[in-house]
Amino acid sequence: MATAASAQTGAVQFDEEKWEKKDERKKFLTMKYGQHQLKLIQKRLKVEFWLDIKLRDMFEIEVSFHITIQ
């Protein structure tokens, strides 16, 4: 926020503490999963991808992706 003194000089000064607190909070808001939980998710994904590959091999399914950009 601009202070009264800065209004007289025409310069804009912001409250640095307010911005620092906002940046501090941002760190915690963006963290969704802990490291242990991420490891479990990665293991689960590896198993799902392996299963997908094996099922495609068993049923002889070929996958091709066609992407068109308009």
N, C-alpha and C. Protein backbone atom coordinates (compact mmCIF):
# COMPACT_ATOMS: atom_id res chain seq x y z
N MET A 1 0.84 -1.18 0.00
CA MET A 1 0.00 0.00 0.00
C MET A 1 0.88 1.23 0.00
N ALA A 2 0.40 2.27 -0.59
CA ALA A 2 1.14 3.53 -0.60
C ALA A 2 0.96 4.22 0.73
N THR A 3 2.03 4.85 1.19
CA THR A 3 1.95 5.58 2.46
C THR A 3 1.60 7.04 2.20
N ALA A 4 1.25 7.77 3.27
CA ALA A 4 0.89 9.19 3.14
C ALA A 4 2.09 10.01 2.67
N ALA A 5 3.29 9.67 3.15
CA ALA A 5 4.48 10.41 2.75
C ALA A 5 4.77 10.22 1.26
N SER A 6 4.52 9.04 0.75
CA SER A 6 4.78 8.80 -0.66
C SER A 6 3.76 9.52 -1.54
N ALA A 7 2.57 9.77 -1.02
CA ALA A 7 1.57 10.50 -1.78
C ALA A 7 2.02 11.94 -2.01
N GLN A 8 2.75 12.50 -1.06
CA GLN A 8 3.22 13.87 -1.20
C GLN A 8 4.39 13.97 -2.19
N THR A 9 5.24 12.97 -2.21
CA THR A 9 6.41 13.02 -3.10
C THR A 9 6.11 12.48 -4.48
N GLY A 10 5.02 11.78 -4.65
CA GLY A 10 4.67 11.22 -5.94
C GLY A 10 5.26 9.84 -6.17
N ALA A 11 6.06 9.34 -5.23
CA ALA A 11 6.65 8.01 -5.35
C ALA A 11 5.74 6.99 -4.66
N VAL A 12 5.73 5.79 -5.18
CA VAL A 12 4.92 4.72 -4.60
C VAL A 12 5.83 3.79 -3.83
N GLN A 13 5.48 3.53 -2.58
CA GLN A 13 6.25 2.61 -1.76
C GLN A 13 5.29 1.54 -1.24
N PHE A 14 5.74 0.30 -1.27
CA PHE A 14 4.90 -0.80 -0.84
C PHE A 14 5.42 -1.38 0.47
N ASP A 15 4.53 -1.94 1.21
CA ASP A 15 4.87 -2.56 2.48
C ASP A 15 5.54 -3.91 2.19
N GLU A 16 6.85 -3.99 2.39
CA GLU A 16 7.61 -5.20 2.06
C GLU A 16 7.19 -6.41 2.90
N GLU A 17 6.87 -6.18 4.17
CA GLU A 17 6.50 -7.29 5.05
C GLU A 17 5.26 -8.01 4.55
N LYS A 18 4.32 -7.28 4.03
CA LYS A 18 3.09 -7.88 3.52
C LYS A 18 3.40 -8.83 2.36
N TRP A 19 4.29 -8.43 1.46
CA TRP A 19 4.65 -9.26 0.31
C TRP A 19 5.45 -10.48 0.74
N GLU A 20 6.31 -10.32 1.73
CA GLU A 20 7.10 -11.45 2.22
C GLU A 20 6.19 -12.51 2.82
N LYS A 21 5.19 -12.09 3.57
CA LYS A 21 4.25 -13.04 4.17
C LYS A 21 3.47 -13.77 3.10
N LYS A 22 3.10 -13.08 2.05
CA LYS A 22 2.35 -13.71 0.96
C LYS A 22 3.21 -14.78 0.29
N ASP A 23 4.49 -14.46 0.05
CA ASP A 23 5.39 -15.44 -0.56
C ASP A 23 5.60 -16.64 0.35
N GLU A 24 5.64 -16.41 1.65
CA GLU A 24 5.80 -17.49 2.61
C GLU A 24 4.62 -18.46 2.53
N ARG A 25 3.43 -17.92 2.48
CA ARG A 25 2.22 -18.75 2.41
C ARG A 25 2.19 -19.55 1.12
N LYS A 26 2.65 -18.97 0.03
CA LYS A 26 2.60 -19.61 -1.26
C LYS A 26 3.34 -20.95 -1.24
N LYS A 27 4.42 -21.03 -0.50
CA LYS A 27 5.19 -22.26 -0.43
C LYS A 27 4.34 -23.40 0.10
N PHE A 28 3.54 -23.12 1.10
CA PHE A 28 2.75 -24.17 1.72
C PHE A 28 1.48 -24.47 0.95
N LEU A 29 0.93 -23.48 0.25
CA LEU A 29 -0.30 -23.70 -0.50
C LEU A 29 -0.08 -24.56 -1.73
N THR A 30 1.11 -24.47 -2.34
CA THR A 30 1.36 -25.23 -3.55
C THR A 30 1.79 -26.67 -3.26
N MET A 31 2.20 -26.97 -2.04
CA MET A 31 2.62 -28.32 -1.69
C MET A 31 1.39 -29.17 -1.42
N LYS A 32 1.15 -30.13 -2.29
CA LYS A 32 -0.06 -30.93 -2.17
C LYS A 32 0.22 -32.28 -1.53
N TYR A 33 1.28 -32.95 -1.95
CA TYR A 33 1.60 -34.28 -1.43
C TYR A 33 2.97 -34.28 -0.78
N GLY A 34 3.13 -35.08 0.24
CA GLY A 34 4.44 -35.26 0.85
C GLY A 34 5.29 -36.18 0.00
N GLN A 35 6.56 -36.26 0.33
CA GLN A 35 7.50 -37.07 -0.46
C GLN A 35 7.12 -38.55 -0.42
N HIS A 36 6.71 -39.04 0.74
CA HIS A 36 6.32 -40.45 0.86
C HIS A 36 5.10 -40.74 -0.02
N GLN A 37 4.12 -39.84 0.00
CA GLN A 37 2.92 -40.03 -0.81
C GLN A 37 3.26 -40.02 -2.30
N LEU A 38 4.18 -39.14 -2.71
CA LEU A 38 4.59 -39.10 -4.11
C LEU A 38 5.26 -40.41 -4.54
N LYS A 39 6.06 -40.98 -3.66
CA LYS A 39 6.71 -42.26 -3.98
C LYS A 39 5.66 -43.35 -4.18
N LEU A 40 4.63 -43.37 -3.34
CA LEU A 40 3.56 -44.36 -3.50
C LEU A 40 2.81 -44.17 -4.80
N ILE A 41 2.56 -42.93 -5.17
CA ILE A 41 1.87 -42.64 -6.43
C ILE A 41 2.72 -43.10 -7.61
N GLN A 42 4.04 -42.85 -7.56
CA GLN A 42 4.93 -43.27 -8.64
C GLN A 42 4.95 -44.79 -8.77
N LYS A 43 4.97 -45.50 -7.65
CA LYS A 43 4.95 -46.97 -7.70
C LYS A 43 3.65 -47.47 -8.34
N ARG A 44 2.54 -46.87 -7.93
CA ARG A 44 1.25 -47.26 -8.46
C ARG A 44 1.17 -47.02 -9.97
N LEU A 45 1.71 -45.88 -10.42
CA LEU A 45 1.71 -45.58 -11.85
C LEU A 45 2.56 -46.57 -12.64
N LYS A 46 3.70 -46.96 -12.08
CA LYS A 46 4.55 -47.95 -12.76
C LYS A 46 3.80 -49.26 -12.96
N VAL A 47 3.07 -49.69 -11.93
CA VAL A 47 2.30 -50.93 -12.02
C VAL A 47 1.19 -50.79 -13.05
N GLU A 48 0.51 -49.64 -13.05
CA GLU A 48 -0.57 -49.43 -14.01
C GLU A 48 -0.05 -49.42 -15.45
N PHE A 49 1.10 -48.77 -15.70
CA PHE A 49 1.67 -48.75 -17.03
C PHE A 49 2.11 -50.15 -17.46
N TRP A 50 2.71 -50.90 -16.53
CA TRP A 50 3.12 -52.27 -16.84
C TRP A 50 1.91 -53.12 -17.20
N LEU A 51 0.85 -53.01 -16.42
CA LEU A 51 -0.37 -53.76 -16.68
C LEU A 51 -0.98 -53.38 -18.03
N ASP A 52 -0.98 -52.10 -18.34
CA ASP A 52 -1.50 -51.64 -19.62
C ASP A 52 -0.73 -52.24 -20.79
N ILE A 53 0.59 -52.26 -20.68
CA ILE A 53 1.43 -52.84 -21.74
C ILE A 53 1.16 -54.33 -21.90
N LYS A 54 1.07 -55.05 -20.79
CA LYS A 54 0.83 -56.49 -20.85
C LYS A 54 -0.54 -56.81 -21.46
N LEU A 55 -1.56 -56.05 -21.09
CA LEU A 55 -2.89 -56.27 -21.65
C LEU A 55 -2.92 -55.98 -23.15
N ARG A 56 -2.23 -54.94 -23.57
CA ARG A 56 -2.16 -54.63 -25.00
C ARG A 56 -1.45 -55.75 -25.76
N ASP A 57 -0.40 -56.32 -25.16
CA ASP A 57 0.31 -57.43 -25.80
C ASP A 57 -0.58 -58.67 -25.88
N MET A 58 -1.32 -58.96 -24.81
CA MET A 58 -2.17 -60.14 -24.78
C MET A 58 -3.27 -60.07 -25.82
N PHE A 59 -3.86 -58.91 -25.97
CA PHE A 59 -4.99 -58.77 -26.89
C PHE A 59 -4.58 -58.15 -28.22
N GLU A 60 -3.27 -58.03 -28.42
CA GLU A 60 -2.70 -57.52 -29.67
C GLU A 60 -3.34 -56.20 -30.09
N ILE A 61 -3.34 -55.27 -29.19
CA ILE A 61 -3.91 -53.95 -29.46
C ILE A 61 -2.76 -53.00 -29.77
N GLU A 62 -2.90 -52.28 -30.88
CA GLU A 62 -1.91 -51.27 -31.22
C GLU A 62 -2.51 -49.90 -30.94
N VAL A 63 -1.72 -49.06 -30.35
CA VAL A 63 -2.19 -47.72 -30.01
C VAL A 63 -1.43 -46.72 -30.86
N SER A 64 -2.19 -45.85 -31.50
CA SER A 64 -1.55 -44.76 -32.23
C SER A 64 -2.30 -43.48 -31.90
N PHE A 65 -1.54 -42.45 -31.71
CA PHE A 65 -2.11 -41.17 -31.36
C PHE A 65 -2.05 -40.25 -32.57
N HIS A 66 -3.17 -39.70 -32.93
CA HIS A 66 -3.24 -38.74 -34.03
C HIS A 66 -3.67 -37.41 -33.43
N ILE A 67 -2.77 -36.48 -33.47
CA ILE A 67 -3.07 -35.17 -32.91
C ILE A 67 -3.11 -34.17 -34.05
N THR A 68 -4.22 -33.46 -34.11
CA THR A 68 -4.33 -32.39 -35.11
C THR A 68 -4.47 -31.07 -34.39
N ILE A 69 -3.72 -30.12 -34.84
CA ILE A 69 -3.74 -28.79 -34.24
C ILE A 69 -4.39 -27.84 -35.23
N GLN A 70 -5.41 -27.19 -34.74
CA GLN A 70 -6.14 -26.27 -35.65
C GLN A 70 -5.79 -24.85 -35.36
